[in-house]
N, C-alpha and C. Protein backbone atom coordinates (compact mmCIF):
# COMPACT_ATOMS: atom_id res chain seq x y z
N MET A 1 0.85 -1.18 0.00
CA MET A 1 0.00 0.00 0.00
C MET A 1 0.88 1.23 0.00
N ALA A 2 0.59 2.14 -0.89
CA ALA A 2 1.38 3.36 -0.96
C ALA A 2 1.03 4.28 0.20
N VAL A 3 2.03 4.90 0.72
CA VAL A 3 1.82 5.84 1.83
C VAL A 3 1.97 7.25 1.30
N ALA A 4 0.95 8.05 1.46
CA ALA A 4 0.99 9.43 0.98
C ALA A 4 1.77 10.29 1.96
N THR A 5 2.62 11.12 1.44
CA THR A 5 3.38 12.03 2.28
C THR A 5 3.16 13.45 1.78
N THR A 6 3.18 14.41 2.67
CA THR A 6 3.00 15.80 2.29
C THR A 6 4.08 16.64 2.94
N LEU A 7 4.45 17.68 2.27
CA LEU A 7 5.40 18.64 2.82
C LEU A 7 4.64 19.92 3.13
N ARG A 8 4.77 20.40 4.32
CA ARG A 8 4.10 21.64 4.69
C ARG A 8 4.92 22.81 4.17
N VAL A 9 4.34 23.58 3.30
CA VAL A 9 5.04 24.69 2.68
C VAL A 9 4.49 26.01 3.21
N ASP A 10 5.37 26.88 3.62
CA ASP A 10 4.96 28.21 4.07
C ASP A 10 4.68 29.06 2.84
N GLU A 11 3.40 29.34 2.61
CA GLU A 11 3.01 30.04 1.40
C GLU A 11 3.04 31.56 1.55
N ARG A 12 3.47 32.05 2.68
CA ARG A 12 3.53 33.49 2.86
C ARG A 12 4.58 34.10 1.94
N GLU A 13 4.24 35.25 1.42
CA GLU A 13 5.18 35.95 0.57
C GLU A 13 6.38 36.41 1.40
N PRO A 14 7.60 36.28 0.86
CA PRO A 14 8.76 36.76 1.61
C PRO A 14 8.69 38.27 1.80
N ARG A 15 9.12 38.72 2.94
CA ARG A 15 9.08 40.15 3.23
C ARG A 15 10.16 40.86 2.43
N PRO A 16 9.79 41.89 1.67
CA PRO A 16 10.82 42.63 0.93
C PRO A 16 11.76 43.33 1.90
N ILE A 17 13.04 43.34 1.57
CA ILE A 17 14.00 43.98 2.46
C ILE A 17 14.25 45.40 2.00
N SER A 18 14.59 46.24 2.93
CA SER A 18 14.82 47.66 2.63
C SER A 18 16.24 47.86 2.10
N ALA A 19 16.49 49.05 1.58
CA ALA A 19 17.83 49.40 1.09
C ALA A 19 18.85 49.33 2.22
N LEU A 20 18.46 49.76 3.42
CA LEU A 20 19.38 49.73 4.55
C LEU A 20 19.69 48.29 4.96
N GLU A 21 18.70 47.41 4.88
CA GLU A 21 18.94 45.99 5.17
C GLU A 21 19.90 45.39 4.15
N ARG A 22 19.74 45.75 2.87
CA ARG A 22 20.67 45.26 1.85
C ARG A 22 22.09 45.76 2.13
N HIS A 23 22.18 47.00 2.58
CA HIS A 23 23.47 47.60 2.91
C HIS A 23 24.16 46.79 4.02
N VAL A 24 23.40 46.47 5.07
CA VAL A 24 23.96 45.77 6.23
C VAL A 24 24.17 44.28 5.95
N SER A 25 23.40 43.73 5.00
CA SER A 25 23.48 42.29 4.74
C SER A 25 24.84 41.86 4.21
N PHE A 26 25.68 42.80 3.79
CA PHE A 26 27.05 42.45 3.42
C PHE A 26 27.74 41.74 4.58
N PHE A 27 27.42 42.13 5.80
CA PHE A 27 28.05 41.54 6.98
C PHE A 27 27.35 40.26 7.43
N ASP A 28 26.30 39.86 6.72
CA ASP A 28 25.56 38.63 7.01
C ASP A 28 25.51 37.78 5.75
N PRO A 29 26.67 37.30 5.27
CA PRO A 29 26.73 36.61 3.97
C PRO A 29 25.89 35.35 3.90
N GLU A 30 25.61 34.72 5.04
CA GLU A 30 24.82 33.50 5.03
C GLU A 30 23.32 33.77 5.14
N GLY A 31 22.96 35.05 5.30
CA GLY A 31 21.55 35.42 5.34
C GLY A 31 20.80 34.92 6.56
N THR A 32 21.47 34.89 7.70
CA THR A 32 20.81 34.41 8.92
C THR A 32 19.87 35.43 9.53
N GLY A 33 20.03 36.70 9.14
CA GLY A 33 19.20 37.75 9.72
C GLY A 33 19.84 38.39 10.94
N THR A 34 21.02 37.92 11.33
CA THR A 34 21.73 38.44 12.48
C THR A 34 23.20 38.66 12.10
N VAL A 35 23.74 39.78 12.52
CA VAL A 35 25.16 40.06 12.31
C VAL A 35 25.87 39.95 13.65
N THR A 36 26.70 38.95 13.79
CA THR A 36 27.45 38.75 15.03
C THR A 36 28.70 39.62 15.03
N ILE A 37 29.33 39.72 16.17
CA ILE A 37 30.55 40.51 16.27
C ILE A 37 31.65 39.91 15.40
N GLY A 38 31.66 38.59 15.27
CA GLY A 38 32.63 37.94 14.41
C GLY A 38 32.40 38.25 12.94
N GLN A 39 31.14 38.35 12.54
CA GLN A 39 30.83 38.67 11.15
C GLN A 39 31.19 40.11 10.82
N THR A 40 31.00 41.01 11.77
CA THR A 40 31.41 42.40 11.55
C THR A 40 32.92 42.47 11.38
N TRP A 41 33.65 41.77 12.23
CA TRP A 41 35.12 41.72 12.15
C TRP A 41 35.56 41.21 10.78
N ALA A 42 34.94 40.12 10.34
CA ALA A 42 35.30 39.52 9.06
C ALA A 42 34.93 40.44 7.89
N GLY A 43 33.76 41.07 7.98
CA GLY A 43 33.31 41.95 6.91
C GLY A 43 34.21 43.16 6.75
N LEU A 44 34.61 43.76 7.86
CA LEU A 44 35.54 44.88 7.79
C LEU A 44 36.86 44.45 7.18
N GLY A 45 37.26 43.22 7.48
CA GLY A 45 38.48 42.69 6.90
C GLY A 45 38.37 42.52 5.39
N ARG A 46 37.21 42.04 4.92
CA ARG A 46 37.02 41.87 3.48
C ARG A 46 37.06 43.21 2.75
N LEU A 47 36.71 44.27 3.46
CA LEU A 47 36.75 45.61 2.86
C LEU A 47 38.15 46.22 2.90
N GLY A 48 39.05 45.58 3.65
CA GLY A 48 40.42 46.10 3.74
C GLY A 48 40.66 47.05 4.88
N ILE A 49 39.75 47.08 5.87
CA ILE A 49 39.94 47.93 7.05
C ILE A 49 41.11 47.39 7.86
N GLY A 50 42.01 48.27 8.29
CA GLY A 50 43.19 47.87 9.03
C GLY A 50 42.87 47.30 10.41
N LEU A 51 43.84 46.60 10.97
CA LEU A 51 43.66 45.89 12.23
C LEU A 51 43.24 46.83 13.36
N VAL A 52 43.91 47.97 13.50
CA VAL A 52 43.61 48.88 14.60
C VAL A 52 42.16 49.37 14.53
N TRP A 53 41.73 49.76 13.32
CA TRP A 53 40.36 50.24 13.17
C TRP A 53 39.35 49.13 13.40
N ARG A 54 39.69 47.91 13.00
CA ARG A 54 38.78 46.79 13.23
C ARG A 54 38.63 46.51 14.72
N ILE A 55 39.73 46.58 15.46
CA ILE A 55 39.68 46.36 16.91
C ILE A 55 38.82 47.43 17.58
N LEU A 56 38.94 48.66 17.10
CA LEU A 56 38.20 49.78 17.69
C LEU A 56 36.72 49.76 17.30
N LEU A 57 36.45 49.57 16.02
CA LEU A 57 35.09 49.76 15.52
C LEU A 57 34.17 48.56 15.74
N THR A 58 34.71 47.35 15.69
CA THR A 58 33.84 46.18 15.77
C THR A 58 32.98 46.15 17.02
N PRO A 59 33.55 46.29 18.23
CA PRO A 59 32.68 46.26 19.41
C PRO A 59 31.75 47.47 19.50
N ILE A 60 32.19 48.62 18.97
CA ILE A 60 31.32 49.81 18.99
C ILE A 60 30.11 49.59 18.09
N ILE A 61 30.36 49.10 16.87
CA ILE A 61 29.27 48.86 15.93
C ILE A 61 28.27 47.86 16.49
N ASN A 62 28.77 46.71 16.95
CA ASN A 62 27.86 45.68 17.41
C ASN A 62 27.23 46.00 18.76
N GLY A 63 27.97 46.70 19.62
CA GLY A 63 27.38 47.07 20.90
C GLY A 63 26.27 48.10 20.73
N PHE A 64 26.51 49.09 19.89
CA PHE A 64 25.53 50.16 19.67
C PHE A 64 24.32 49.65 18.90
N LEU A 65 24.58 49.01 17.74
CA LEU A 65 23.48 48.55 16.91
C LEU A 65 22.79 47.32 17.50
N GLY A 66 23.55 46.50 18.21
CA GLY A 66 22.94 45.35 18.87
C GLY A 66 21.89 45.80 19.88
N TYR A 67 22.25 46.80 20.68
CA TYR A 67 21.31 47.31 21.68
C TYR A 67 20.08 47.93 21.02
N LEU A 68 20.30 48.74 19.99
CA LEU A 68 19.18 49.45 19.36
C LEU A 68 18.26 48.51 18.59
N THR A 69 18.81 47.47 17.97
CA THR A 69 17.96 46.58 17.18
C THR A 69 17.37 45.42 17.99
N GLN A 70 17.98 45.10 19.10
CA GLN A 70 17.47 44.01 19.93
C GLN A 70 16.63 44.52 21.11
N GLY A 71 16.78 45.81 21.44
CA GLY A 71 16.04 46.35 22.58
C GLY A 71 16.59 45.91 23.91
N ARG A 72 17.82 45.45 23.92
CA ARG A 72 18.48 44.99 25.15
C ARG A 72 19.99 44.97 24.88
N VAL A 73 20.76 44.79 25.91
CA VAL A 73 22.22 44.72 25.73
C VAL A 73 22.55 43.47 24.92
N SER A 74 23.16 43.67 23.77
CA SER A 74 23.48 42.55 22.89
C SER A 74 24.56 42.98 21.91
N PHE A 75 25.39 42.05 21.51
CA PHE A 75 26.38 42.31 20.47
C PHE A 75 25.97 41.65 19.14
N ASP A 76 24.71 41.22 19.06
CA ASP A 76 24.16 40.68 17.82
C ASP A 76 23.20 41.70 17.22
N ILE A 77 23.41 42.05 15.96
CA ILE A 77 22.59 43.04 15.27
C ILE A 77 21.46 42.34 14.53
N ALA A 78 20.22 42.75 14.77
CA ALA A 78 19.06 42.20 14.06
C ALA A 78 18.89 42.96 12.75
N VAL A 79 19.17 42.31 11.64
CA VAL A 79 19.14 42.97 10.34
C VAL A 79 17.76 43.54 10.03
N ALA A 80 16.72 42.81 10.35
CA ALA A 80 15.36 43.25 10.03
C ALA A 80 14.97 44.53 10.75
N LYS A 81 15.67 44.83 11.86
CA LYS A 81 15.33 46.03 12.62
C LYS A 81 16.43 47.08 12.54
N ILE A 82 17.25 47.01 11.50
CA ILE A 82 18.39 47.91 11.41
C ILE A 82 17.98 49.37 11.31
N ALA A 83 16.79 49.65 10.82
CA ALA A 83 16.33 51.04 10.76
C ALA A 83 16.23 51.65 12.16
N GLU A 84 16.04 50.79 13.18
CA GLU A 84 16.00 51.28 14.55
C GLU A 84 17.38 51.74 15.01
N GLY A 85 18.41 51.36 14.27
CA GLY A 85 19.78 51.69 14.66
C GLY A 85 20.34 52.92 13.97
N LYS A 86 19.51 53.65 13.22
CA LYS A 86 20.01 54.88 12.61
C LYS A 86 20.53 55.80 13.71
N HIS A 87 21.80 56.23 13.57
CA HIS A 87 22.37 57.04 14.65
C HIS A 87 22.04 58.52 14.47
N PRO A 88 22.28 59.33 15.48
CA PRO A 88 21.79 60.71 15.48
C PRO A 88 22.31 61.61 14.36
N PHE A 89 23.50 61.36 13.87
CA PHE A 89 24.08 62.22 12.85
C PHE A 89 24.28 61.42 11.56
N ASP A 90 23.55 61.81 10.51
CA ASP A 90 23.69 61.14 9.23
C ASP A 90 23.30 62.09 8.10
N THR A 91 23.36 61.59 6.87
CA THR A 91 23.03 62.43 5.72
C THR A 91 21.53 62.48 5.45
N GLY A 92 20.78 61.56 6.07
CA GLY A 92 19.35 61.47 5.80
C GLY A 92 19.02 60.69 4.56
N SER A 93 20.03 60.15 3.88
CA SER A 93 19.78 59.43 2.62
C SER A 93 19.10 58.09 2.84
N PHE A 94 19.20 57.54 4.06
CA PHE A 94 18.35 56.44 4.46
C PHE A 94 17.22 57.03 5.30
N GLY A 95 15.98 56.82 4.87
CA GLY A 95 14.84 57.31 5.64
C GLY A 95 14.61 56.48 6.88
N ASP A 96 13.65 56.89 7.69
CA ASP A 96 13.35 56.16 8.92
C ASP A 96 12.81 54.76 8.65
N ASP A 97 12.33 54.53 7.42
CA ASP A 97 11.84 53.20 7.06
C ASP A 97 12.95 52.31 6.47
N GLY A 98 14.16 52.87 6.38
CA GLY A 98 15.28 52.10 5.84
C GLY A 98 15.41 52.16 4.33
N GLU A 99 14.49 52.85 3.68
CA GLU A 99 14.57 52.99 2.23
C GLU A 99 15.34 54.27 1.88
N ILE A 100 15.78 54.35 0.63
CA ILE A 100 16.50 55.53 0.18
C ILE A 100 15.56 56.72 0.14
N ASP A 101 15.95 57.81 0.78
CA ASP A 101 15.22 59.07 0.69
C ASP A 101 15.81 59.82 -0.51
N GLU A 102 15.11 59.78 -1.62
CA GLU A 102 15.66 60.32 -2.86
C GLU A 102 15.95 61.81 -2.78
N SER A 103 15.13 62.56 -2.06
CA SER A 103 15.37 64.00 -1.94
C SER A 103 16.63 64.28 -1.13
N ALA A 104 16.86 63.50 -0.07
CA ALA A 104 18.07 63.67 0.75
C ALA A 104 19.31 63.26 -0.04
N LEU A 105 19.21 62.18 -0.82
CA LEU A 105 20.33 61.75 -1.63
C LEU A 105 20.64 62.79 -2.71
N ALA A 106 19.60 63.35 -3.29
CA ALA A 106 19.81 64.39 -4.30
C ALA A 106 20.51 65.61 -3.70
N GLU A 107 20.15 65.96 -2.46
CA GLU A 107 20.81 67.08 -1.79
C GLU A 107 22.27 66.77 -1.51
N LEU A 108 22.55 65.53 -1.15
CA LEU A 108 23.94 65.12 -0.92
C LEU A 108 24.75 65.23 -2.20
N VAL A 109 24.17 64.82 -3.30
CA VAL A 109 24.85 64.94 -4.59
C VAL A 109 25.05 66.41 -4.94
N ARG A 110 24.04 67.22 -4.64
CA ARG A 110 24.10 68.64 -4.98
C ARG A 110 25.22 69.37 -4.26
N VAL A 111 25.46 69.05 -2.99
CA VAL A 111 26.50 69.76 -2.24
C VAL A 111 27.89 69.38 -2.72
N GLY A 112 27.96 68.29 -3.47
CA GLY A 112 29.25 67.91 -4.06
C GLY A 112 29.48 68.70 -5.33
N THR A 113 30.01 69.88 -5.18
CA THR A 113 30.20 70.77 -6.33
C THR A 113 31.15 70.15 -7.35
N GLY A 114 30.90 70.45 -8.62
CA GLY A 114 31.78 69.96 -9.67
C GLY A 114 31.59 68.49 -10.00
N GLY A 115 30.46 67.91 -9.60
CA GLY A 115 30.18 66.53 -9.96
C GLY A 115 30.83 65.48 -9.09
N ALA A 116 31.38 65.87 -7.95
CA ALA A 116 31.98 64.90 -7.02
C ALA A 116 31.87 65.44 -5.60
N LEU A 117 31.85 64.56 -4.64
CA LEU A 117 31.67 64.92 -3.24
C LEU A 117 32.93 64.57 -2.45
N THR A 118 33.36 65.48 -1.58
CA THR A 118 34.51 65.22 -0.71
C THR A 118 34.04 64.89 0.70
N ALA A 119 34.96 64.38 1.50
CA ALA A 119 34.64 64.06 2.89
C ALA A 119 34.23 65.33 3.65
N LYS A 120 34.92 66.43 3.39
CA LYS A 120 34.61 67.68 4.06
C LYS A 120 33.20 68.14 3.74
N GLU A 121 32.79 68.01 2.48
CA GLU A 121 31.44 68.42 2.08
C GLU A 121 30.38 67.53 2.71
N MET A 122 30.66 66.23 2.75
CA MET A 122 29.71 65.29 3.34
C MET A 122 29.57 65.54 4.84
N ARG A 123 30.69 65.74 5.50
CA ARG A 123 30.67 65.97 6.94
C ARG A 123 29.95 67.29 7.27
N LYS A 124 30.15 68.30 6.44
CA LYS A 124 29.49 69.59 6.65
C LYS A 124 27.98 69.44 6.57
N LEU A 125 27.50 68.65 5.62
CA LEU A 125 26.06 68.44 5.50
C LEU A 125 25.52 67.70 6.72
N VAL A 126 26.24 66.67 7.17
CA VAL A 126 25.81 65.90 8.34
C VAL A 126 25.69 66.80 9.57
N LEU A 127 26.70 67.62 9.80
CA LEU A 127 26.69 68.50 10.97
C LEU A 127 25.61 69.57 10.85
N ALA A 128 25.35 70.03 9.63
CA ALA A 128 24.31 71.04 9.43
C ALA A 128 22.93 70.47 9.75
N ARG A 129 22.73 69.19 9.51
CA ARG A 129 21.45 68.55 9.85
C ARG A 129 21.28 68.43 11.36
N GLY A 130 22.39 68.33 12.08
CA GLY A 130 22.33 68.26 13.53
C GLY A 130 21.90 66.90 14.05
N ASN A 131 21.65 66.86 15.34
CA ASN A 131 21.25 65.62 16.02
C ASN A 131 19.80 65.31 15.69
N ARG A 132 19.58 64.24 14.95
CA ARG A 132 18.22 63.84 14.55
C ARG A 132 17.56 62.90 15.54
N ARG A 133 18.27 62.54 16.60
CA ARG A 133 17.72 61.63 17.61
C ARG A 133 17.95 62.21 19.01
N PRO A 134 17.45 63.42 19.29
CA PRO A 134 17.72 64.05 20.59
C PRO A 134 17.19 63.25 21.78
N LYS A 135 16.16 62.44 21.56
CA LYS A 135 15.59 61.66 22.65
C LYS A 135 16.54 60.57 23.14
N MET A 136 17.56 60.27 22.35
CA MET A 136 18.53 59.25 22.75
C MET A 136 19.48 59.78 23.82
N GLY A 137 19.49 61.10 24.03
CA GLY A 137 20.33 61.67 25.07
C GLY A 137 21.61 62.29 24.53
N LYS A 138 22.24 63.11 25.37
CA LYS A 138 23.44 63.84 24.94
C LYS A 138 24.63 62.91 24.68
N LEU A 139 24.79 61.88 25.52
CA LEU A 139 25.90 60.96 25.34
C LEU A 139 25.79 60.24 24.00
N ALA A 140 24.59 59.75 23.69
CA ALA A 140 24.38 59.07 22.41
C ALA A 140 24.61 60.02 21.25
N GLY A 141 24.21 61.29 21.45
CA GLY A 141 24.42 62.29 20.41
C GLY A 141 25.91 62.53 20.16
N SER A 142 26.67 62.63 21.24
CA SER A 142 28.12 62.85 21.11
C SER A 142 28.80 61.66 20.45
N LEU A 143 28.43 60.46 20.90
CA LEU A 143 29.00 59.25 20.30
C LEU A 143 28.59 59.13 18.83
N GLY A 144 27.34 59.49 18.55
CA GLY A 144 26.85 59.42 17.18
C GLY A 144 27.60 60.37 16.26
N SER A 145 27.89 61.56 16.76
CA SER A 145 28.64 62.55 15.97
C SER A 145 30.06 62.05 15.70
N TRP A 146 30.71 61.52 16.74
CA TRP A 146 32.06 61.00 16.58
C TRP A 146 32.08 59.84 15.59
N PHE A 147 31.14 58.91 15.76
CA PHE A 147 31.11 57.73 14.90
C PHE A 147 30.80 58.12 13.46
N SER A 148 29.91 59.08 13.28
CA SER A 148 29.58 59.54 11.94
C SER A 148 30.81 60.10 11.24
N GLY A 149 31.63 60.85 11.98
CA GLY A 149 32.85 61.39 11.41
C GLY A 149 33.80 60.30 10.96
N LYS A 150 33.91 59.24 11.78
CA LYS A 150 34.79 58.13 11.42
C LYS A 150 34.23 57.36 10.22
N GLU A 151 32.92 57.23 10.15
CA GLU A 151 32.29 56.58 9.01
C GLU A 151 32.63 57.31 7.71
N VAL A 152 32.55 58.64 7.77
CA VAL A 152 32.85 59.45 6.58
C VAL A 152 34.31 59.24 6.17
N GLU A 153 35.22 59.30 7.14
CA GLU A 153 36.64 59.10 6.84
C GLU A 153 36.88 57.75 6.17
N LEU A 154 36.33 56.70 6.75
CA LEU A 154 36.54 55.35 6.21
C LEU A 154 35.90 55.20 4.84
N PHE A 155 34.73 55.79 4.66
CA PHE A 155 34.06 55.70 3.37
C PHE A 155 34.94 56.25 2.25
N PHE A 156 35.54 57.40 2.49
CA PHE A 156 36.36 58.00 1.44
C PHE A 156 37.69 57.27 1.27
N CYS A 157 38.20 56.70 2.35
CA CYS A 157 39.42 55.88 2.21
C CYS A 157 39.17 54.65 1.35
N LEU A 158 37.98 54.06 1.50
CA LEU A 158 37.67 52.82 0.79
C LEU A 158 37.12 53.05 -0.61
N ALA A 159 36.29 54.08 -0.77
CA ALA A 159 35.46 54.16 -1.97
C ALA A 159 35.75 55.33 -2.90
N ALA A 160 36.67 56.22 -2.54
CA ALA A 160 36.95 57.37 -3.41
C ALA A 160 37.30 56.87 -4.82
N ASP A 161 36.60 57.40 -5.80
CA ASP A 161 36.83 56.96 -7.18
C ASP A 161 37.25 58.11 -8.10
N THR A 162 37.56 59.26 -7.50
CA THR A 162 38.07 60.39 -8.26
C THR A 162 38.75 61.35 -7.27
N THR A 163 39.24 62.45 -7.77
CA THR A 163 39.82 63.49 -6.91
C THR A 163 39.21 64.83 -7.27
N LYS A 164 39.43 65.80 -6.40
CA LYS A 164 38.83 67.11 -6.59
C LYS A 164 39.70 68.15 -5.89
N THR A 165 39.79 69.31 -6.47
CA THR A 165 40.57 70.38 -5.84
C THR A 165 39.73 71.05 -4.76
N GLU A 166 40.30 71.06 -3.56
CA GLU A 166 39.61 71.67 -2.42
C GLU A 166 40.65 72.42 -1.61
N GLU A 167 40.47 73.72 -1.47
CA GLU A 167 41.43 74.57 -0.75
C GLU A 167 42.83 74.40 -1.34
N ASP A 168 42.90 74.46 -2.67
CA ASP A 168 44.16 74.44 -3.43
C ASP A 168 44.93 73.12 -3.32
N ARG A 169 44.25 72.05 -3.02
CA ARG A 169 44.93 70.75 -3.02
C ARG A 169 43.98 69.67 -3.50
N GLU A 170 44.55 68.62 -4.05
CA GLU A 170 43.76 67.50 -4.56
C GLU A 170 43.39 66.57 -3.40
N VAL A 171 42.11 66.29 -3.29
CA VAL A 171 41.64 65.42 -2.21
C VAL A 171 40.77 64.31 -2.81
N PRO A 172 40.66 63.17 -2.11
CA PRO A 172 39.79 62.09 -2.59
C PRO A 172 38.33 62.55 -2.65
N ALA A 173 37.61 62.03 -3.62
CA ALA A 173 36.19 62.37 -3.78
C ALA A 173 35.45 61.17 -4.35
N VAL A 174 34.13 61.22 -4.28
CA VAL A 174 33.31 60.15 -4.85
C VAL A 174 32.31 60.74 -5.83
N THR A 175 32.00 59.97 -6.85
CA THR A 175 31.04 60.38 -7.86
C THR A 175 29.62 60.03 -7.41
N PRO A 176 28.61 60.62 -8.03
CA PRO A 176 27.22 60.27 -7.70
C PRO A 176 26.92 58.78 -7.86
N ARG A 177 27.55 58.12 -8.83
CA ARG A 177 27.32 56.68 -9.02
C ARG A 177 27.75 55.89 -7.80
N THR A 178 28.89 56.25 -7.23
CA THR A 178 29.37 55.54 -6.03
C THR A 178 28.47 55.83 -4.83
N LEU A 179 27.99 57.05 -4.72
CA LEU A 179 27.05 57.37 -3.64
C LEU A 179 25.79 56.52 -3.76
N ARG A 180 25.27 56.41 -4.97
CA ARG A 180 24.08 55.59 -5.18
C ARG A 180 24.35 54.15 -4.77
N ARG A 181 25.50 53.63 -5.12
CA ARG A 181 25.84 52.25 -4.75
C ARG A 181 25.94 52.07 -3.24
N LEU A 182 26.43 53.10 -2.55
CA LEU A 182 26.50 53.03 -1.09
C LEU A 182 25.12 52.81 -0.51
N TYR A 183 24.15 53.57 -1.00
CA TYR A 183 22.82 53.53 -0.40
C TYR A 183 21.91 52.44 -0.96
N ASP A 184 22.22 51.90 -2.14
CA ASP A 184 21.37 50.81 -2.63
C ASP A 184 21.85 49.44 -2.17
N GLY A 185 22.96 49.41 -1.43
CA GLY A 185 23.44 48.17 -0.83
C GLY A 185 24.42 47.39 -1.65
N SER A 186 24.87 47.92 -2.79
CA SER A 186 25.77 47.15 -3.66
C SER A 186 27.24 47.51 -3.49
N LEU A 187 27.55 48.62 -2.84
CA LEU A 187 28.92 49.11 -2.83
C LEU A 187 29.88 48.20 -2.08
N PHE A 188 29.52 47.76 -0.87
CA PHE A 188 30.44 46.94 -0.09
C PHE A 188 30.79 45.65 -0.82
N HIS A 189 29.80 45.04 -1.46
CA HIS A 189 30.05 43.82 -2.22
C HIS A 189 31.02 44.09 -3.36
N LEU A 190 30.83 45.22 -4.04
CA LEU A 190 31.71 45.59 -5.15
C LEU A 190 33.13 45.83 -4.67
N LEU A 191 33.29 46.56 -3.58
CA LEU A 191 34.62 46.86 -3.06
C LEU A 191 35.34 45.59 -2.61
N ALA A 192 34.62 44.72 -1.94
CA ALA A 192 35.22 43.46 -1.47
C ALA A 192 35.64 42.59 -2.65
N ARG A 193 34.81 42.55 -3.70
CA ARG A 193 35.15 41.76 -4.88
C ARG A 193 36.40 42.32 -5.57
N ARG A 194 36.46 43.64 -5.71
CA ARG A 194 37.63 44.26 -6.33
C ARG A 194 38.89 43.96 -5.53
N ARG A 195 38.79 44.03 -4.21
CA ARG A 195 39.95 43.76 -3.36
C ARG A 195 40.39 42.31 -3.50
N ARG A 196 39.43 41.39 -3.55
CA ARG A 196 39.76 39.97 -3.69
C ARG A 196 40.46 39.71 -5.03
N ILE A 197 39.98 40.36 -6.09
CA ILE A 197 40.60 40.19 -7.41
C ILE A 197 42.03 40.71 -7.41
N ARG A 198 42.25 41.88 -6.77
CA ARG A 198 43.61 42.43 -6.69
C ARG A 198 44.53 41.48 -5.95
N GLN A 199 44.03 40.92 -4.85
CA GLN A 199 44.84 39.99 -4.07
C GLN A 199 45.18 38.73 -4.87
N GLU A 200 44.20 38.22 -5.61
CA GLU A 200 44.44 37.02 -6.41
C GLU A 200 45.45 37.29 -7.51
N ARG A 201 45.35 38.45 -8.14
CA ARG A 201 46.31 38.80 -9.18
C ARG A 201 47.71 38.97 -8.60
N GLY A 202 47.76 39.57 -7.39
CA GLY A 202 49.05 39.74 -6.74
C GLY A 202 49.68 38.40 -6.39
N SER A 203 48.85 37.45 -5.94
CA SER A 203 49.35 36.13 -5.59
C SER A 203 49.88 35.40 -6.81
N ARG A 204 49.16 35.52 -7.93
CA ARG A 204 49.62 34.86 -9.15
C ARG A 204 50.93 35.48 -9.64
N GLY A 205 51.05 36.81 -9.44
CA GLY A 205 52.27 37.49 -9.87
C GLY A 205 53.48 37.02 -9.08
N HIS A 206 53.30 36.74 -7.78
CA HIS A 206 54.41 36.27 -6.95
C HIS A 206 54.83 34.85 -7.31
N LEU A 207 53.90 34.08 -7.90
CA LEU A 207 54.21 32.70 -8.23
C LEU A 207 54.97 32.57 -9.54
N ARG A 208 55.02 33.63 -10.32
CA ARG A 208 55.70 33.58 -11.62
C ARG A 208 57.21 33.59 -11.45
């Protein structure tokens, strides 16, 4: 006698993820929905962040975002709730829903005179917006401002794709295309892939 078997299938539609979730999912390559402190460490390494900065930033990132996304003290970041982790000082290009705020992104592009944006211009816009999360308290505001400044520095160190004259000297800058990639979640993957290719080519060169 044949025995009928059935598989219970969850027919619910998958929840669409936001642009901010796609941005953070670089650090969750297995798609578990959680970014552990080890995954943040590894992800920063794939981007080429130096050892000192990784030691400094990894616990800050996971401690801050873990608490905000989990609602308790935690070093695990909940990807689905990453919009809750928006810090007090930012460009506004990610809205409160985690999606790209096109008007804010357009303003960011606009302040980059001459078709490219510098770290100084980006930081000036962030500071001009001020503390967007005053209810988090003064300490969180101060930490958010400091961390935002470091984010800007690292972004231009990693992603600058052109240069621009600023105060009579050439400085790193980014084009609007790179800014768009930052906010649509594709930039970190692209940078890590480029770095891996350079390393592989370098390794092959040493073997010749």
